[in-house]
Amino acid sequence: MTPTIRHLVALTGMALALLSATPRAQAETHCSCEHRSADSTVSASAPAPMSTSSTEGSQGDTASQMWLHLPAVSHHFQPPLNPNRHWNQQHAALGVELAEPWEALNTRWTRRWTAGLLRDSLYSWGAYGGVAATHEVTRLGPLKFEAGASALVFYRRMAFEGKRYPVPAVLPMVTAEWDQKFGVHLLYVPHVRFSEHSEMPAVLFLQGRVRF
């Protein structure tokens, strides 16, 4: 075979090899494009990860909370029957409170179990315990307001020189909480005259609270 014929045979073989390789390359390129398209479709259809920041802020409202009752202040609207006496308006106190959502009603109602010790208006130490129900009224940023009523039993004196005995009471109350960390209870005690020498003056009572 002459050199010219050898060269023509070699060139023909190379051309055939290129022609056979071109459809394979096109098929591989097409497959790659299909894979990329499928991947992008799955990525677009997959749901974005759910943000937990919106739910974390509400978890505190749907779980039980423990609060510590702090000292309180008060304002008495009537003077003591004995003009030589005056009311105590700065009350040392220590108590606990379990606040939980009242699911039987709805999550805007809170049930509050409470018990503690308090130095009352007669400068006498006594105890208190009971339950309150409060309903959320409004929120202003991290500040939440609730209103309701508290059913309590006080073990206290009703006169400066009297004996201690249980005193039941149902009192209106307003509560405020800052960022579910700090708060206050405001209670109103109506004026009640028990006897010539014993009475309960009308009182506004404000007690601090801290969550623990």
C-alpha atoms as a PDB file:
ATOM      1  CA  MET A   1       0.000   0.000   0.000  1.00  0.00           C
ATOM      2  CA  THR A   2       1.422   3.367  -0.957  1.00  0.00           C
ATOM      3  CA  PRO A   3       1.971   6.107   1.627  1.00  0.00           C
ATOM      4  CA  THR A   4      -0.793   8.237   0.091  1.00  0.00           C
ATOM      5  CA  ILE A   5      -3.370   5.464   0.458  1.00  0.00           C
ATOM      6  CA  ARG A   6      -2.236   4.852   4.057  1.00  0.00           C
ATOM      7  CA  HIS A   7      -2.782   8.527   4.893  1.00  0.00           C
ATOM      8  CA  LEU A   8      -6.260   8.484   3.330  1.00  0.00           C
ATOM      9  CA  VAL A   9      -7.219   5.368   5.325  1.00  0.00           C
ATOM     10  CA  ALA A  10      -5.940   6.974   8.550  1.00  0.00           C
ATOM     11  CA  LEU A  11      -7.856  10.215   7.937  1.00  0.00           C
ATOM     12  CA  THR A  12     -11.024   8.258   7.115  1.00  0.00           C
ATOM     13  CA  GLY A  13     -10.733   6.301  10.397  1.00  0.00           C
ATOM     14  CA  MET A  14     -10.285   9.506  12.402  1.00  0.00           C
ATOM     15  CA  ALA A  15     -13.339  11.066  10.727  1.00  0.00           C
ATOM     16  CA  LEU A  16     -15.472   8.016  11.492  1.00  0.00           C
ATOM     17  CA  ALA A  17     -14.315   8.056  15.106  1.00  0.00           C
ATOM     18  CA  LEU A  18     -15.256  11.748  15.471  1.00  0.00           C
ATOM     19  CA  LEU A  19     -18.665  11.172  13.899  1.00  0.00           C
ATOM     20  CA  SER A  20     -19.440   8.287  16.254  1.00  0.00           C
ATOM     21  CA  ALA A  21     -18.293  10.276  19.326  1.00  0.00           C
ATOM     22  CA  THR A  22     -20.402  13.383  18.598  1.00  0.00           C
ATOM     23  CA  PRO A  23     -23.879  11.834  19.281  1.00  0.00           C
ATOM     24  CA  ARG A  24     -22.565  10.296  22.524  1.00  0.00           C
ATOM     25  CA  ALA A  25     -21.272  13.674  23.719  1.00  0.00           C
ATOM     26  CA  GLN A  26     -24.562  15.323  22.797  1.00  0.00           C
ATOM     27  CA  ALA A  27     -26.498  12.651  24.718  1.00  0.00           C
ATOM     28  CA  GLU A  28     -24.301  13.088  27.799  1.00  0.00           C
ATOM     29  CA  THR A  29     -24.722  16.867  27.624  1.00  0.00           C
ATOM     30  CA  HIS A  30     -28.503  16.450  27.327  1.00  0.00           C
ATOM     31  CA  CYS A  31     -28.567  14.116  30.351  1.00  0.00           C
ATOM     32  CA  SER A  32     -26.513  16.551  32.387  1.00  0.00           C
ATOM     33  CA  CYS A  33     -28.901  19.369  31.520  1.00  0.00           C
ATOM     34  CA  GLU A  34     -31.882  17.213  32.517  1.00  0.00           C
ATOM     35  CA  HIS A  35     -30.280  16.404  35.889  1.00  0.00           C
ATOM     36  CA  ARG A  36     -29.583  20.073  36.526  1.00  0.00           C
ATOM     37  CA  SER A  37     -33.146  20.995  35.558  1.00  0.00           C
ATOM     38  CA  ALA A  38     -34.594  18.313  37.843  1.00  0.00           C
ATOM     39  CA  ASP A  39     -32.417  19.449  40.726  1.00  0.00           C
ATOM     40  CA  SER A  40     -33.510  23.056  40.286  1.00  0.00           C
ATOM     41  CA  THR A  41     -37.161  21.973  40.128  1.00  0.00           C
ATOM     42  CA  VAL A  42     -36.838  20.010  43.379  1.00  0.00           C
ATOM     43  CA  SER A  43     -35.069  22.947  45.039  1.00  0.00           C
ATOM     44  CA  ALA A  44     -37.772  25.343  43.928  1.00  0.00           C
ATOM     45  CA  SER A  45     -40.600  23.072  45.071  1.00  0.00           C
ATOM     46  CA  ALA A  46     -39.047  22.124  48.429  1.00  0.00           C
ATOM     47  CA  PRO A  47     -40.553  24.167  51.280  1.00  0.00           C
ATOM     48  CA  ALA A  48     -38.302  26.706  52.953  1.00  0.00           C
ATOM     49  CA  PRO A  49     -37.185  25.804  56.465  1.00  0.00           C
ATOM     50  CA  MET A  50     -39.718  27.047  59.007  1.00  0.00           C
ATOM     51  CA  SER A  51     -38.486  29.888  61.157  1.00  0.00           C
ATOM     52  CA  THR A  52     -38.820  29.207  64.870  1.00  0.00           C
ATOM     53  CA  SER A  53     -38.391  32.807  65.966  1.00  0.00           C
ATOM     54  CA  SER A  54     -42.124  33.517  65.696  1.00  0.00           C
ATOM     55  CA  THR A  55     -43.059  30.492  67.778  1.00  0.00           C
ATOM     56  CA  GLU A  56     -40.419  30.908  70.446  1.00  0.00           C
ATOM     57  CA  GLY A  57     -41.953  34.182  71.627  1.00  0.00           C
ATOM     58  CA  SER A  58     -45.344  32.563  72.218  1.00  0.00           C
ATOM     59  CA  GLN A  59     -44.104  29.452  74.009  1.00  0.00           C
ATOM     60  CA  GLY A  60     -43.954  31.352  77.296  1.00  0.00           C
ATOM     61  CA  ASP A  61     -47.715  32.117  77.035  1.00  0.00           C
ATOM     62  CA  THR A  62     -48.647  28.459  76.518  1.00  0.00           C
ATOM     63  CA  ALA A  63     -46.490  26.919  79.251  1.00  0.00           C
ATOM     64  CA  SER A  64     -46.691  27.061  83.036  1.00  0.00           C
ATOM     65  CA  GLN A  65     -44.616  29.768  84.713  1.00  0.00           C
ATOM     66  CA  MET A  66     -43.315  30.097  88.273  1.00  0.00           C
ATOM     67  CA  TRP A  67     -43.195  33.586  89.808  1.00  0.00           C
ATOM     68  CA  LEU A  68     -41.792  34.900  93.068  1.00  0.00           C
ATOM     69  CA  HIS A  69     -43.872  37.472  94.976  1.00  0.00           C
ATOM     70  CA  LEU A  70     -41.867  40.461  96.214  1.00  0.00           C
ATOM     71  CA  PRO A  71     -42.567  43.228  98.775  1.00  0.00           C
ATOM     72  CA  ALA A  72     -45.581  45.453  98.132  1.00  0.00           C
ATOM     73  CA  VAL A  73     -46.869  48.985  98.673  1.00  0.00           C
ATOM     74  CA  SER A  74     -50.430  50.156  99.365  1.00  0.00           C
ATOM     75  CA  HIS A  75     -52.635  53.201  99.689  1.00  0.00           C
ATOM     76  CA  HIS A  76     -55.424  53.303 102.305  1.00  0.00           C
ATOM     77  CA  PHE A  77     -58.426  55.520 101.651  1.00  0.00           C
ATOM     78  CA  GLN A  78     -59.700  55.709 105.251  1.00  0.00           C
ATOM     79  CA  PRO A  79     -57.708  56.404 108.428  1.00  0.00           C
ATOM     80  CA  PRO A  80     -57.720  53.896 111.324  1.00  0.00           C
ATOM     81  CA  LEU A  81     -60.584  54.078 113.813  1.00  0.00           C
ATOM     82  CA  ASN A  82     -58.018  54.802 116.495  1.00  0.00           C
ATOM     83  CA  PRO A  83     -56.586  58.264 115.717  1.00  0.00           C
ATOM     84  CA  ASN A  84     -53.335  57.310 117.473  1.00  0.00           C
ATOM     85  CA  ARG A  85     -52.684  54.569 114.941  1.00  0.00           C
ATOM     86  CA  HIS A  86     -51.643  54.632 111.310  1.00  0.00           C
ATOM     87  CA  TRP A  87     -51.637  52.036 108.575  1.00  0.00           C
ATOM     88  CA  ASN A  88     -48.610  50.150 107.346  1.00  0.00           C
ATOM     89  CA  GLN A  89     -48.249  50.946 103.628  1.00  0.00           C
ATOM     90  CA  GLN A  90     -44.934  49.220 102.919  1.00  0.00           C
ATOM     91  CA  HIS A  91     -45.370  45.481 103.120  1.00  0.00           C
ATOM     92  CA  ALA A  92     -42.591  42.949 103.456  1.00  0.00           C
ATOM     93  CA  ALA A  93     -43.714  39.817 101.614  1.00  0.00           C
ATOM     94  CA  LEU A  94     -42.549  36.571 100.118  1.00  0.00           C
ATOM     95  CA  GLY A  95     -44.701  34.213  98.069  1.00  0.00           C
ATOM     96  CA  VAL A  96     -44.889  31.963  95.046  1.00  0.00           C
ATOM     97  CA  GLU A  97     -47.251  31.857  92.093  1.00  0.00           C
ATOM     98  CA  LEU A  98     -47.911  29.200  89.471  1.00  0.00           C
ATOM     99  CA  ALA A  99     -49.371  30.760  86.325  1.00  0.00           C
ATOM    100  CA  GLU A 100     -50.779  28.435  83.672  1.00  0.00           C
ATOM    101  CA  PRO A 101     -52.989  28.864  80.601  1.00  0.00           C
ATOM    102  CA  TRP A 102     -56.609  28.027  81.316  1.00  0.00           C
ATOM    103  CA  GLU A 103     -57.130  25.666  78.413  1.00  0.00           C
ATOM    104  CA  ALA A 104     -60.749  24.948  79.343  1.00  0.00           C
ATOM    105  CA  LEU A 105     -61.524  28.525  78.271  1.00  0.00           C
ATOM    106  CA  ASN A 106     -58.855  29.674  75.807  1.00  0.00           C
ATOM    107  CA  THR A 107     -55.194  30.662  75.782  1.00  0.00           C
ATOM    108  CA  ARG A 108     -55.989  34.307  76.600  1.00  0.00           C
ATOM    109  CA  TRP A 109     -57.084  33.270  80.103  1.00  0.00           C
ATOM    110  CA  THR A 110     -54.491  32.555  82.793  1.00  0.00           C
ATOM    111  CA  ARG A 111     -55.080  30.706  86.054  1.00  0.00           C
ATOM    112  CA  ARG A 112     -52.790  31.743  88.921  1.00  0.00           C
ATOM    113  CA  TRP A 113     -52.295  29.656  92.059  1.00  0.00           C
ATOM    114  CA  THR A 114     -50.633  31.633  94.816  1.00  0.00           C
ATOM    115  CA  ALA A 115     -49.472  31.365  98.433  1.00  0.00           C
ATOM    116  CA  GLY A 116     -47.207  33.426 100.645  1.00  0.00           C
ATOM    117  CA  LEU A 117     -46.478  35.462 103.750  1.00  0.00           C
ATOM    118  CA  LEU A 118     -47.202  39.161 104.142  1.00  0.00           C
ATOM    119  CA  ARG A 119     -46.816  41.897 106.723  1.00  0.00           C
ATOM    120  CA  ASP A 120     -50.237  43.496 106.499  1.00  0.00           C
ATOM    121  CA  SER A 121     -51.709  46.952 107.133  1.00  0.00           C
ATOM    122  CA  LEU A 122     -51.708  46.319 110.912  1.00  0.00           C
ATOM    123  CA  TYR A 123     -47.940  45.651 111.012  1.00  0.00           C
ATOM    124  CA  SER A 124     -48.779  42.008 111.661  1.00  0.00           C
ATOM    125  CA  TRP A 125     -47.433  38.974 109.791  1.00  0.00           C
ATOM    126  CA  GLY A 126     -50.019  36.735 108.172  1.00  0.00           C
ATOM    127  CA  ALA A 127     -50.462  34.252 105.348  1.00  0.00           C
ATOM    128  CA  TYR A 128     -52.452  34.209 102.132  1.00  0.00           C
ATOM    129  CA  GLY A 129     -53.366  31.663  99.483  1.00  0.00           C
ATOM    130  CA  GLY A 130     -55.821  31.217  96.654  1.00  0.00           C
ATOM    131  CA  VAL A 131     -56.351  31.323  92.913  1.00  0.00           C
ATOM    132  CA  ALA A 132     -56.883  34.089  90.377  1.00  0.00           C
ATOM    133  CA  ALA A 133     -58.212  34.165  86.825  1.00  0.00           C
ATOM    134  CA  THR A 134     -56.994  36.907  84.494  1.00  0.00           C
ATOM    135  CA  HIS A 135     -57.723  37.626  80.839  1.00  0.00           C
ATOM    136  CA  GLU A 136     -55.299  39.325  78.459  1.00  0.00           C
ATOM    137  CA  VAL A 137     -56.513  42.831  77.646  1.00  0.00           C
ATOM    138  CA  THR A 138     -53.776  44.274  75.453  1.00  0.00           C
ATOM    139  CA  ARG A 139     -50.083  44.175  74.586  1.00  0.00           C
ATOM    140  CA  LEU A 140     -47.721  47.073  74.020  1.00  0.00           C
ATOM    141  CA  GLY A 141     -44.528  45.525  72.696  1.00  0.00           C
ATOM    142  CA  PRO A 142     -43.085  43.377  75.484  1.00  0.00           C
ATOM    143  CA  LEU A 143     -45.623  44.767  77.990  1.00  0.00           C
ATOM    144  CA  LYS A 144     -48.763  42.676  78.560  1.00  0.00           C
ATOM    145  CA  PHE A 145     -51.839  43.685  80.597  1.00  0.00           C
ATOM    146  CA  GLU A 146     -54.428  41.303  82.059  1.00  0.00           C
ATOM    147  CA  ALA A 147     -57.521  41.880  84.189  1.00  0.00           C
ATOM    148  CA  GLY A 148     -59.601  39.538  86.306  1.00  0.00           C
ATOM    149  CA  ALA A 149     -60.377  38.546  89.875  1.00  0.00           C
ATOM    150  CA  SER A 150     -58.614  36.771  92.715  1.00  0.00           C
ATOM    151  CA  ALA A 151     -60.250  34.465  95.275  1.00  0.00           C
ATOM    152  CA  LEU A 152     -58.041  34.464  98.377  1.00  0.00           C
ATOM    153  CA  VAL A 153     -58.038  33.405 102.002  1.00  0.00           C
ATOM    154  CA  PHE A 154     -56.003  35.566 104.367  1.00  0.00           C
ATOM    155  CA  TYR A 155     -54.916  34.380 107.785  1.00  0.00           C
ATOM    156  CA  ARG A 156     -54.582  37.705 109.571  1.00  0.00           C
ATOM    157  CA  ARG A 157     -55.735  40.104 112.266  1.00  0.00           C
ATOM    158  CA  MET A 158     -58.642  42.435 111.658  1.00  0.00           C
ATOM    159  CA  ALA A 159     -57.737  44.785 114.530  1.00  0.00           C
ATOM    160  CA  PHE A 160     -54.405  46.042 115.844  1.00  0.00           C
ATOM    161  CA  GLU A 161     -54.767  44.001 119.053  1.00  0.00           C
ATOM    162  CA  GLY A 162     -56.994  41.274 117.656  1.00  0.00           C
ATOM    163  CA  LYS A 163     -56.469  37.600 117.021  1.00  0.00           C
ATOM    164  CA  ARG A 164     -55.652  36.020 113.679  1.00  0.00           C
ATOM    165  CA  TYR A 165     -58.317  34.051 111.827  1.00  0.00           C
ATOM    166  CA  PRO A 166     -59.108  33.139 108.197  1.00  0.00           C
ATOM    167  CA  VAL A 167     -60.633  35.919 106.111  1.00  0.00           C
ATOM    168  CA  PRO A 168     -61.952  34.996 102.634  1.00  0.00           C
ATOM    169  CA  ALA A 169     -62.062  37.634  99.911  1.00  0.00           C
ATOM    170  CA  VAL A 170     -62.777  37.960  96.192  1.00  0.00           C
ATOM    171  CA  LEU A 171     -60.900  40.958  94.817  1.00  0.00           C
ATOM    172  CA  PRO A 172     -60.647  42.589  91.381  1.00  0.00           C
ATOM    173  CA  MET A 173     -57.118  42.695  90.048  1.00  0.00           C
ATOM    174  CA  VAL A 174     -55.008  43.938  87.159  1.00  0.00           C
ATOM    175  CA  THR A 175     -51.660  42.417  86.294  1.00  0.00           C
ATOM    176  CA  ALA A 176     -48.848  43.692  84.080  1.00  0.00           C
ATOM    177  CA  GLU A 177     -45.845  41.747  82.824  1.00  0.00           C
ATOM    178  CA  TRP A 178     -42.692  42.958  81.106  1.00  0.00           C
ATOM    179  CA  ASP A 179     -41.188  40.441  78.668  1.00  0.00           C
ATOM    180  CA  GLN A 180     -42.459  37.565  80.850  1.00  0.00           C
ATOM    181  CA  LYS A 181     -39.682  38.311  83.344  1.00  0.00           C
ATOM    182  CA  PHE A 182     -40.976  41.045  85.661  1.00  0.00           C
ATOM    183  CA  GLY A 183     -44.473  42.014  86.690  1.00  0.00           C
ATOM    184  CA  VAL A 184     -46.878  43.541  89.199  1.00  0.00           C
ATOM    185  CA  HIS A 185     -50.308  42.714  90.593  1.00  0.00           C
ATOM    186  CA  LEU A 186     -52.675  45.571  91.454  1.00  0.00           C
ATOM    187  CA  LEU A 187     -55.580  44.602  93.723  1.00  0.00           C
ATOM    188  CA  TYR A 188     -58.436  46.666  95.110  1.00  0.00           C
ATOM    189  CA  VAL A 189     -59.791  45.885  98.589  1.00  0.00           C
ATOM    190  CA  PRO A 190     -63.214  47.467  99.319  1.00  0.00           C
ATOM    191  CA  HIS A 191     -64.019  49.182 102.588  1.00  0.00           C
ATOM    192  CA  VAL A 192     -65.722  46.804 105.053  1.00  0.00           C
ATOM    193  CA  ARG A 193     -66.781  47.691 108.596  1.00  0.00           C
ATOM    194  CA  PHE A 194     -66.880  44.559 110.780  1.00  0.00           C
ATOM    195  CA  SER A 195     -67.633  46.100 114.161  1.00  0.00           C
ATOM    196  CA  GLU A 196     -67.233  49.264 116.181  1.00  0.00           C
ATOM    197  CA  HIS A 197     -63.564  48.469 116.694  1.00  0.00           C
ATOM    198  CA  SER A 198     -62.750  46.542 113.525  1.00  0.00           C
ATOM    199  CA  GLU A 199     -62.788  47.462 109.851  1.00  0.00           C
ATOM    200  CA  MET A 200     -61.035  46.869 106.551  1.00  0.00           C
ATOM    201  CA  PRO A 201     -60.269  50.195 104.841  1.00  0.00           C
ATOM    202  CA  ALA A 202     -60.443  50.541 101.082  1.00  0.00           C
ATOM    203  CA  VAL A 203     -56.961  49.753  99.796  1.00  0.00           C
ATOM    204  CA  LEU A 204     -55.047  49.771  96.546  1.00  0.00           C
ATOM    205  CA  PHE A 205     -52.359  47.099  96.839  1.00  0.00           C
ATOM    206  CA  LEU A 206     -49.425  46.839  94.409  1.00  0.00           C
ATOM    207  CA  GLN A 207     -47.082  43.841  94.624  1.00  0.00           C
ATOM    208  CA  GLY A 208     -43.984  43.136  92.559  1.00  0.00           C
ATOM    209  CA  ARG A 209     -43.243  39.788  90.921  1.00  0.00           C
ATOM    210  CA  VAL A 210     -40.241  38.206  89.241  1.00  0.00           C
ATOM    211  CA  ARG A 211     -40.154  34.996  87.217  1.00  0.00           C
ATOM    212  CA  PHE A 212     -37.815  32.169  88.202  1.00  0.00           C
END
